[in-house]
Amino acid sequence: MKKVVKTLKIELQAGAANPATVGKDLGPTGINLLGFCQQYNEKTAKQKGLVIPAEVTIFEDRSFTIQTKTPPTAFLLKRAAGVDKGAARPGSEVVGSVTRKQVEEVARIKLPDLNTSDLEAAMRMIEGTARNMGIAVREGR
C-alpha cells in the first residue's frame, strides 16, 4: 500500500490542461506534470467547454491518481442563465434567471457529488445557490 503524501483539488477546463496552467498548483508536489495533463485531458475529452474539478491524490513515490468531479454548480447555473458572473449584491440585484427545468438539469448533473440521492432535495440546493448568485428561478419548462 502506497503512502499518501497530499490530496489536492484543482479546477481546470476540460481537455485543456497543460503544464503551464497546472504548474503553480502541482509543481511543488514533484509529480510528472505532462503525465498529469495527459491523463486529465483523456478523462475530460468528452466534456470540452466545461470546468471539471479533479481530486488529485499524490503518493510518496510521486505517482498519483485523478478522480474527476461534476462541474461546479455556479458554473452550470451561469451557463444556463447566460451570464458571465453572479450578482455583486445578491438579494438586491438579479443578473439573470433560470427555469425550474434548467434547475432540474443542473441537479441531475450534480447529483453524484451532492450529499443526497433525492432529486427534489438536490433541486432545492441548486435553487439556493442560484439565489445566492443573484439568479432568479422562474416557473416554466
N, C-alpha and C. Protein backbone atom coordinates (compact mmCIF):
# COMPACT_ATOMS: atom_id res chain seq x y z
N MET A 1 0.85 -1.19 0.00
CA MET A 1 0.00 0.00 0.00
C MET A 1 0.89 1.25 0.00
N LYS A 2 0.66 2.12 -0.98
CA LYS A 2 1.46 3.34 -1.08
C LYS A 2 0.98 4.36 -0.05
N LYS A 3 1.91 5.16 0.44
CA LYS A 3 1.58 6.18 1.43
C LYS A 3 1.17 7.47 0.71
N VAL A 4 0.00 8.00 1.09
CA VAL A 4 -0.50 9.25 0.51
C VAL A 4 0.25 10.42 1.15
N VAL A 5 0.80 11.29 0.30
CA VAL A 5 1.52 12.45 0.77
C VAL A 5 0.61 13.67 0.81
N LYS A 6 -0.22 13.82 -0.22
CA LYS A 6 -1.03 15.03 -0.34
C LYS A 6 -2.26 14.75 -1.20
N THR A 7 -3.35 15.45 -0.91
CA THR A 7 -4.54 15.41 -1.76
C THR A 7 -4.89 16.85 -2.11
N LEU A 8 -5.02 17.12 -3.40
CA LEU A 8 -5.32 18.47 -3.88
C LEU A 8 -6.62 18.47 -4.68
N LYS A 9 -7.32 19.60 -4.63
CA LYS A 9 -8.48 19.81 -5.51
C LYS A 9 -8.08 20.90 -6.48
N ILE A 10 -8.36 20.67 -7.75
CA ILE A 10 -7.95 21.62 -8.78
C ILE A 10 -9.08 21.72 -9.80
N GLU A 11 -9.39 22.92 -10.27
CA GLU A 11 -10.44 23.13 -11.28
C GLU A 11 -9.78 23.57 -12.58
N LEU A 12 -10.06 22.82 -13.65
CA LEU A 12 -9.45 23.11 -14.95
C LEU A 12 -10.49 23.01 -16.05
N GLN A 13 -10.18 23.64 -17.19
CA GLN A 13 -11.01 23.49 -18.38
C GLN A 13 -10.85 22.05 -18.88
N ALA A 14 -11.97 21.40 -19.16
CA ALA A 14 -11.93 20.01 -19.63
C ALA A 14 -11.14 19.90 -20.93
N GLY A 15 -10.24 18.93 -20.98
CA GLY A 15 -9.47 18.65 -22.18
C GLY A 15 -8.44 19.71 -22.53
N ALA A 16 -8.22 20.69 -21.65
CA ALA A 16 -7.31 21.79 -21.99
C ALA A 16 -6.22 22.01 -20.94
N ALA A 17 -5.94 21.00 -20.14
CA ALA A 17 -4.89 21.16 -19.13
C ALA A 17 -3.52 21.11 -19.81
N ASN A 18 -2.62 21.98 -19.38
CA ASN A 18 -1.24 21.92 -19.86
C ASN A 18 -0.32 22.28 -18.69
N PRO A 19 0.96 21.90 -18.78
CA PRO A 19 1.87 22.13 -17.65
C PRO A 19 1.91 23.59 -17.18
N ALA A 20 1.70 24.53 -18.07
CA ALA A 20 1.73 25.94 -17.67
C ALA A 20 0.56 26.28 -16.75
N THR A 21 -0.61 25.69 -17.00
CA THR A 21 -1.78 26.03 -16.18
C THR A 21 -1.79 25.30 -14.84
N VAL A 22 -1.17 24.14 -14.76
CA VAL A 22 -1.20 23.37 -13.50
C VAL A 22 0.11 23.48 -12.72
N GLY A 23 1.11 24.09 -13.31
CA GLY A 23 2.44 24.15 -12.70
C GLY A 23 2.47 24.74 -11.30
N LYS A 24 1.77 25.88 -11.11
CA LYS A 24 1.81 26.52 -9.79
C LYS A 24 1.17 25.66 -8.71
N ASP A 25 0.14 24.87 -9.07
CA ASP A 25 -0.54 24.02 -8.09
C ASP A 25 0.16 22.69 -7.87
N LEU A 26 0.61 22.08 -8.97
CA LEU A 26 1.16 20.73 -8.89
C LEU A 26 2.68 20.66 -8.93
N GLY A 27 3.33 21.71 -9.38
CA GLY A 27 4.79 21.72 -9.47
C GLY A 27 5.50 21.36 -8.18
N PRO A 28 5.11 21.98 -7.05
CA PRO A 28 5.79 21.69 -5.78
C PRO A 28 5.66 20.23 -5.32
N THR A 29 4.69 19.49 -5.87
CA THR A 29 4.49 18.10 -5.44
C THR A 29 5.50 17.15 -6.07
N GLY A 30 6.13 17.60 -7.18
CA GLY A 30 7.14 16.77 -7.82
C GLY A 30 6.58 15.71 -8.76
N ILE A 31 5.27 15.74 -9.05
CA ILE A 31 4.73 14.74 -9.97
C ILE A 31 5.04 15.15 -11.41
N ASN A 32 4.88 14.21 -12.32
CA ASN A 32 5.11 14.46 -13.74
C ASN A 32 3.94 15.28 -14.27
N LEU A 33 4.16 16.57 -14.53
CA LEU A 33 3.09 17.46 -14.96
C LEU A 33 2.52 17.07 -16.31
N LEU A 34 3.40 16.67 -17.24
CA LEU A 34 2.93 16.27 -18.56
C LEU A 34 2.05 15.02 -18.45
N GLY A 35 2.47 14.09 -17.61
CA GLY A 35 1.68 12.87 -17.39
C GLY A 35 0.32 13.19 -16.79
N PHE A 36 0.30 14.13 -15.83
CA PHE A 36 -0.96 14.55 -15.22
C PHE A 36 -1.87 15.15 -16.29
N CYS A 37 -1.33 16.06 -17.09
CA CYS A 37 -2.13 16.75 -18.11
C CYS A 37 -2.71 15.76 -19.12
N GLN A 38 -1.90 14.79 -19.54
CA GLN A 38 -2.39 13.79 -20.50
C GLN A 38 -3.53 12.98 -19.90
N GLN A 39 -3.37 12.54 -18.65
CA GLN A 39 -4.42 11.75 -18.00
C GLN A 39 -5.70 12.58 -17.83
N TYR A 40 -5.55 13.81 -17.35
CA TYR A 40 -6.71 14.68 -17.12
C TYR A 40 -7.44 14.95 -18.44
N ASN A 41 -6.67 15.27 -19.49
CA ASN A 41 -7.28 15.58 -20.78
C ASN A 41 -7.99 14.37 -21.37
N GLU A 42 -7.43 13.16 -21.18
CA GLU A 42 -8.11 11.94 -21.66
C GLU A 42 -9.42 11.74 -20.92
N LYS A 43 -9.41 11.92 -19.60
CA LYS A 43 -10.61 11.71 -18.79
C LYS A 43 -11.71 12.73 -19.11
N THR A 44 -11.35 13.93 -19.51
CA THR A 44 -12.33 15.00 -19.69
C THR A 44 -12.55 15.39 -21.15
N ALA A 45 -11.99 14.63 -22.09
CA ALA A 45 -12.07 14.99 -23.51
C ALA A 45 -13.51 15.16 -24.00
N LYS A 46 -14.43 14.36 -23.50
CA LYS A 46 -15.83 14.41 -23.95
C LYS A 46 -16.60 15.59 -23.34
N GLN A 47 -15.98 16.32 -22.40
CA GLN A 47 -16.67 17.40 -21.71
C GLN A 47 -16.08 18.77 -22.03
N LYS A 48 -15.47 18.91 -23.20
CA LYS A 48 -14.83 20.16 -23.59
C LYS A 48 -15.79 21.35 -23.40
N GLY A 49 -15.23 22.46 -22.94
CA GLY A 49 -16.04 23.66 -22.72
C GLY A 49 -16.53 23.78 -21.28
N LEU A 50 -16.42 22.71 -20.50
CA LEU A 50 -16.85 22.74 -19.11
C LEU A 50 -15.64 22.88 -18.19
N VAL A 51 -15.87 23.34 -16.98
CA VAL A 51 -14.84 23.35 -15.96
C VAL A 51 -15.05 22.07 -15.15
N ILE A 52 -14.04 21.21 -15.11
CA ILE A 52 -14.17 19.94 -14.41
C ILE A 52 -13.17 19.89 -13.25
N PRO A 53 -13.67 19.89 -12.02
CA PRO A 53 -12.76 19.77 -10.87
C PRO A 53 -12.17 18.36 -10.81
N ALA A 54 -10.98 18.26 -10.30
CA ALA A 54 -10.34 16.96 -10.13
C ALA A 54 -9.74 16.89 -8.74
N GLU A 55 -9.83 15.72 -8.14
CA GLU A 55 -9.18 15.48 -6.86
C GLU A 55 -7.94 14.65 -7.17
N VAL A 56 -6.77 15.20 -6.88
CA VAL A 56 -5.51 14.55 -7.19
C VAL A 56 -4.90 14.01 -5.89
N THR A 57 -4.69 12.69 -5.85
CA THR A 57 -4.05 12.08 -4.69
C THR A 57 -2.62 11.76 -5.08
N ILE A 58 -1.66 12.31 -4.31
CA ILE A 58 -0.24 12.14 -4.62
C ILE A 58 0.39 11.23 -3.58
N PHE A 59 1.13 10.23 -4.07
CA PHE A 59 1.77 9.25 -3.19
C PHE A 59 3.24 9.58 -3.03
N GLU A 60 3.90 8.96 -2.02
CA GLU A 60 5.29 9.31 -1.71
C GLU A 60 6.26 8.96 -2.84
N ASP A 61 5.89 7.98 -3.71
CA ASP A 61 6.78 7.65 -4.84
C ASP A 61 6.52 8.57 -6.05
N ARG A 62 5.79 9.66 -5.82
CA ARG A 62 5.43 10.67 -6.82
C ARG A 62 4.46 10.17 -7.89
N SER A 63 3.82 9.02 -7.64
CA SER A 63 2.75 8.61 -8.53
C SER A 63 1.48 9.31 -8.04
N PHE A 64 0.42 9.27 -8.84
CA PHE A 64 -0.79 9.99 -8.46
C PHE A 64 -2.02 9.33 -9.08
N THR A 65 -3.17 9.64 -8.51
CA THR A 65 -4.45 9.23 -9.10
C THR A 65 -5.29 10.49 -9.28
N ILE A 66 -6.16 10.46 -10.29
CA ILE A 66 -7.02 11.60 -10.56
C ILE A 66 -8.47 11.11 -10.50
N GLN A 67 -9.28 11.79 -9.71
CA GLN A 67 -10.70 11.49 -9.68
C GLN A 67 -11.43 12.76 -10.10
N THR A 68 -12.16 12.70 -11.22
CA THR A 68 -12.86 13.89 -11.69
C THR A 68 -14.22 13.98 -11.01
N LYS A 69 -14.68 15.21 -10.86
CA LYS A 69 -15.97 15.51 -10.23
C LYS A 69 -16.88 16.14 -11.27
N THR A 70 -18.10 16.49 -10.86
CA THR A 70 -19.02 17.18 -11.77
C THR A 70 -18.66 18.67 -11.78
N PRO A 71 -19.02 19.39 -12.85
CA PRO A 71 -18.69 20.82 -12.91
C PRO A 71 -19.29 21.57 -11.71
N PRO A 72 -18.67 22.69 -11.30
CA PRO A 72 -19.20 23.46 -10.17
C PRO A 72 -20.62 23.95 -10.45
N THR A 73 -21.46 23.98 -9.42
CA THR A 73 -22.85 24.41 -9.56
C THR A 73 -22.91 25.83 -10.13
N ALA A 74 -22.07 26.72 -9.62
CA ALA A 74 -22.09 28.11 -10.08
C ALA A 74 -21.80 28.19 -11.58
N PHE A 75 -20.85 27.38 -12.05
CA PHE A 75 -20.51 27.37 -13.48
C PHE A 75 -21.72 26.94 -14.31
N LEU A 76 -22.39 25.85 -13.87
CA LEU A 76 -23.55 25.34 -14.60
C LEU A 76 -24.70 26.34 -14.60
N LEU A 77 -24.92 27.00 -13.46
CA LEU A 77 -26.01 27.99 -13.37
C LEU A 77 -25.73 29.21 -14.24
N LYS A 78 -24.48 29.68 -14.23
CA LYS A 78 -24.13 30.84 -15.08
C LYS A 78 -24.34 30.50 -16.54
N ARG A 79 -23.95 29.28 -16.93
CA ARG A 79 -24.13 28.87 -18.32
C ARG A 79 -25.61 28.78 -18.67
N ALA A 80 -26.42 28.20 -17.78
CA ALA A 80 -27.86 28.06 -18.03
C ALA A 80 -28.54 29.43 -18.12
N ALA A 81 -28.12 30.37 -17.27
CA ALA A 81 -28.73 31.70 -17.25
C ALA A 81 -28.15 32.62 -18.33
N GLY A 82 -27.03 32.21 -18.92
CA GLY A 82 -26.40 33.02 -19.97
C GLY A 82 -25.73 34.27 -19.43
N VAL A 83 -25.17 34.18 -18.21
CA VAL A 83 -24.49 35.34 -17.63
C VAL A 83 -23.01 35.00 -17.41
N ASP A 84 -22.17 36.05 -17.33
CA ASP A 84 -20.73 35.86 -17.14
C ASP A 84 -20.36 35.68 -15.68
N LYS A 85 -21.10 36.38 -14.79
CA LYS A 85 -20.79 36.26 -13.37
C LYS A 85 -22.04 36.52 -12.56
N GLY A 86 -21.97 36.12 -11.29
CA GLY A 86 -23.10 36.31 -10.39
C GLY A 86 -23.23 37.77 -9.98
N ALA A 87 -24.28 38.07 -9.21
CA ALA A 87 -24.55 39.43 -8.77
C ALA A 87 -23.52 39.89 -7.76
N ALA A 88 -23.18 41.18 -7.82
CA ALA A 88 -22.27 41.76 -6.84
C ALA A 88 -22.98 41.85 -5.49
N ARG A 89 -24.30 42.11 -5.53
CA ARG A 89 -25.10 42.19 -4.30
C ARG A 89 -26.30 41.26 -4.41
N PRO A 90 -26.12 39.95 -4.17
CA PRO A 90 -27.25 39.03 -4.27
C PRO A 90 -28.35 39.43 -3.29
N GLY A 91 -29.59 39.23 -3.70
CA GLY A 91 -30.70 39.61 -2.85
C GLY A 91 -31.30 40.93 -3.30
N SER A 92 -30.44 41.88 -3.67
CA SER A 92 -30.96 43.16 -4.14
C SER A 92 -30.68 43.36 -5.63
N GLU A 93 -30.00 42.42 -6.23
CA GLU A 93 -29.64 42.53 -7.64
C GLU A 93 -29.88 41.18 -8.32
N VAL A 94 -30.53 41.20 -9.49
CA VAL A 94 -30.76 39.97 -10.24
C VAL A 94 -30.03 40.09 -11.57
N VAL A 95 -29.13 39.13 -11.86
CA VAL A 95 -28.34 39.23 -13.09
C VAL A 95 -28.91 38.36 -14.21
N GLY A 96 -29.77 37.41 -13.87
CA GLY A 96 -30.34 36.53 -14.88
C GLY A 96 -31.37 35.63 -14.25
N SER A 97 -31.90 34.71 -15.05
CA SER A 97 -32.88 33.77 -14.50
C SER A 97 -32.75 32.42 -15.18
N VAL A 98 -33.21 31.41 -14.47
CA VAL A 98 -33.26 30.05 -14.99
C VAL A 98 -34.65 29.49 -14.72
N THR A 99 -35.06 28.51 -15.53
CA THR A 99 -36.36 27.88 -15.32
C THR A 99 -36.20 26.70 -14.37
N ARG A 100 -37.31 26.20 -13.85
CA ARG A 100 -37.28 25.02 -12.99
C ARG A 100 -36.69 23.83 -13.77
N LYS A 101 -36.97 23.78 -15.07
CA LYS A 101 -36.45 22.69 -15.91
C LYS A 101 -34.91 22.75 -15.95
N GLN A 102 -34.36 23.96 -16.09
CA GLN A 102 -32.90 24.12 -16.10
C GLN A 102 -32.30 23.76 -14.75
N VAL A 103 -32.99 24.11 -13.66
CA VAL A 103 -32.53 23.75 -12.32
C VAL A 103 -32.50 22.23 -12.20
N GLU A 104 -33.53 21.56 -12.74
CA GLU A 104 -33.59 20.10 -12.69
C GLU A 104 -32.42 19.49 -13.47
N GLU A 105 -32.10 20.05 -14.64
CA GLU A 105 -30.98 19.55 -15.44
C GLU A 105 -29.66 19.69 -14.66
N VAL A 106 -29.45 20.85 -14.02
CA VAL A 106 -28.24 21.08 -13.23
C VAL A 106 -28.20 20.09 -12.07
N ALA A 107 -29.35 19.88 -11.41
CA ALA A 107 -29.42 18.96 -10.27
C ALA A 107 -29.07 17.54 -10.71
N ARG A 108 -29.55 17.13 -11.89
CA ARG A 108 -29.23 15.78 -12.39
C ARG A 108 -27.73 15.62 -12.64
N ILE A 109 -27.10 16.66 -13.17
CA ILE A 109 -25.66 16.62 -13.42
C ILE A 109 -24.90 16.55 -12.10
N LYS A 110 -25.32 17.34 -11.09
CA LYS A 110 -24.62 17.44 -9.82
C LYS A 110 -24.90 16.30 -8.84
N LEU A 111 -25.98 15.55 -9.08
CA LEU A 111 -26.43 14.52 -8.12
C LEU A 111 -25.34 13.59 -7.61
N PRO A 112 -24.42 13.09 -8.46
CA PRO A 112 -23.39 12.17 -7.93
C PRO A 112 -22.49 12.81 -6.87
N ASP A 113 -22.30 14.13 -6.90
CA ASP A 113 -21.41 14.80 -5.96
C ASP A 113 -22.12 15.43 -4.77
N LEU A 114 -23.46 15.39 -4.76
CA LEU A 114 -24.19 16.00 -3.64
C LEU A 114 -24.42 14.98 -2.54
N ASN A 115 -24.71 15.47 -1.33
CA ASN A 115 -24.90 14.56 -0.20
C ASN A 115 -26.37 14.13 -0.08
N THR A 116 -27.02 13.94 -1.21
CA THR A 116 -28.39 13.44 -1.24
C THR A 116 -28.59 12.62 -2.50
N SER A 117 -29.56 11.73 -2.47
CA SER A 117 -29.89 10.98 -3.69
C SER A 117 -31.29 11.38 -4.15
N ASP A 118 -31.91 12.32 -3.45
CA ASP A 118 -33.26 12.79 -3.75
C ASP A 118 -33.18 13.98 -4.71
N LEU A 119 -33.80 13.85 -5.88
CA LEU A 119 -33.73 14.90 -6.89
C LEU A 119 -34.35 16.21 -6.39
N GLU A 120 -35.47 16.12 -5.67
CA GLU A 120 -36.13 17.34 -5.15
C GLU A 120 -35.20 18.09 -4.20
N ALA A 121 -34.55 17.35 -3.30
CA ALA A 121 -33.62 17.98 -2.36
C ALA A 121 -32.46 18.61 -3.12
N ALA A 122 -31.96 17.91 -4.13
CA ALA A 122 -30.87 18.45 -4.94
C ALA A 122 -31.31 19.74 -5.64
N MET A 123 -32.54 19.76 -6.15
CA MET A 123 -33.04 20.96 -6.82
C MET A 123 -33.12 22.14 -5.84
N ARG A 124 -33.52 21.86 -4.59
CA ARG A 124 -33.58 22.93 -3.59
C ARG A 124 -32.18 23.49 -3.32
N MET A 125 -31.18 22.61 -3.28
CA MET A 125 -29.80 23.06 -3.07
C MET A 125 -29.35 23.96 -4.23
N ILE A 126 -29.66 23.54 -5.46
CA ILE A 126 -29.28 24.30 -6.65
C ILE A 126 -29.99 25.65 -6.66
N GLU A 127 -31.30 25.66 -6.29
CA GLU A 127 -32.05 26.93 -6.23
C GLU A 127 -31.43 27.87 -5.21
N GLY A 128 -30.98 27.34 -4.08
CA GLY A 128 -30.33 28.17 -3.06
C GLY A 128 -29.06 28.80 -3.59
N THR A 129 -28.28 28.01 -4.32
CA THR A 129 -27.05 28.54 -4.92
C THR A 129 -27.40 29.64 -5.93
N ALA A 130 -28.45 29.39 -6.72
CA ALA A 130 -28.88 30.39 -7.72
C ALA A 130 -29.26 31.70 -7.02
N ARG A 131 -30.05 31.61 -5.95
CA ARG A 131 -30.45 32.82 -5.21
C ARG A 131 -29.22 33.56 -4.69
N ASN A 132 -28.25 32.82 -4.17
CA ASN A 132 -27.04 33.44 -3.63
C ASN A 132 -26.19 34.09 -4.71
N MET A 133 -26.42 33.72 -5.95
CA MET A 133 -25.67 34.29 -7.07
C MET A 133 -26.44 35.44 -7.74
N GLY A 134 -27.68 35.67 -7.29
CA GLY A 134 -28.49 36.71 -7.92
C GLY A 134 -29.15 36.22 -9.19
N ILE A 135 -29.38 34.91 -9.29
CA ILE A 135 -30.06 34.33 -10.45
C ILE A 135 -31.45 33.90 -9.99
N ALA A 136 -32.48 34.46 -10.62
CA ALA A 136 -33.86 34.15 -10.25
C ALA A 136 -34.27 32.80 -10.84
N VAL A 137 -35.10 32.07 -10.09
CA VAL A 137 -35.63 30.80 -10.59
C VAL A 137 -37.10 31.05 -10.91
N ARG A 138 -37.46 30.89 -12.18
CA ARG A 138 -38.84 31.14 -12.57
C ARG A 138 -39.53 29.84 -12.95
N GLU A 139 -40.83 29.84 -12.84
CA GLU A 139 -41.61 28.65 -13.22
C GLU A 139 -41.57 28.53 -14.74
N GLY A 140 -41.92 27.35 -15.21
CA GLY A 140 -41.93 27.15 -16.66
C GLY A 140 -41.00 26.03 -17.04
N ARG A 141 -41.16 25.60 -18.22
CA ARG A 141 -40.38 24.46 -18.72
C ARG A 141 -39.36 24.90 -19.70
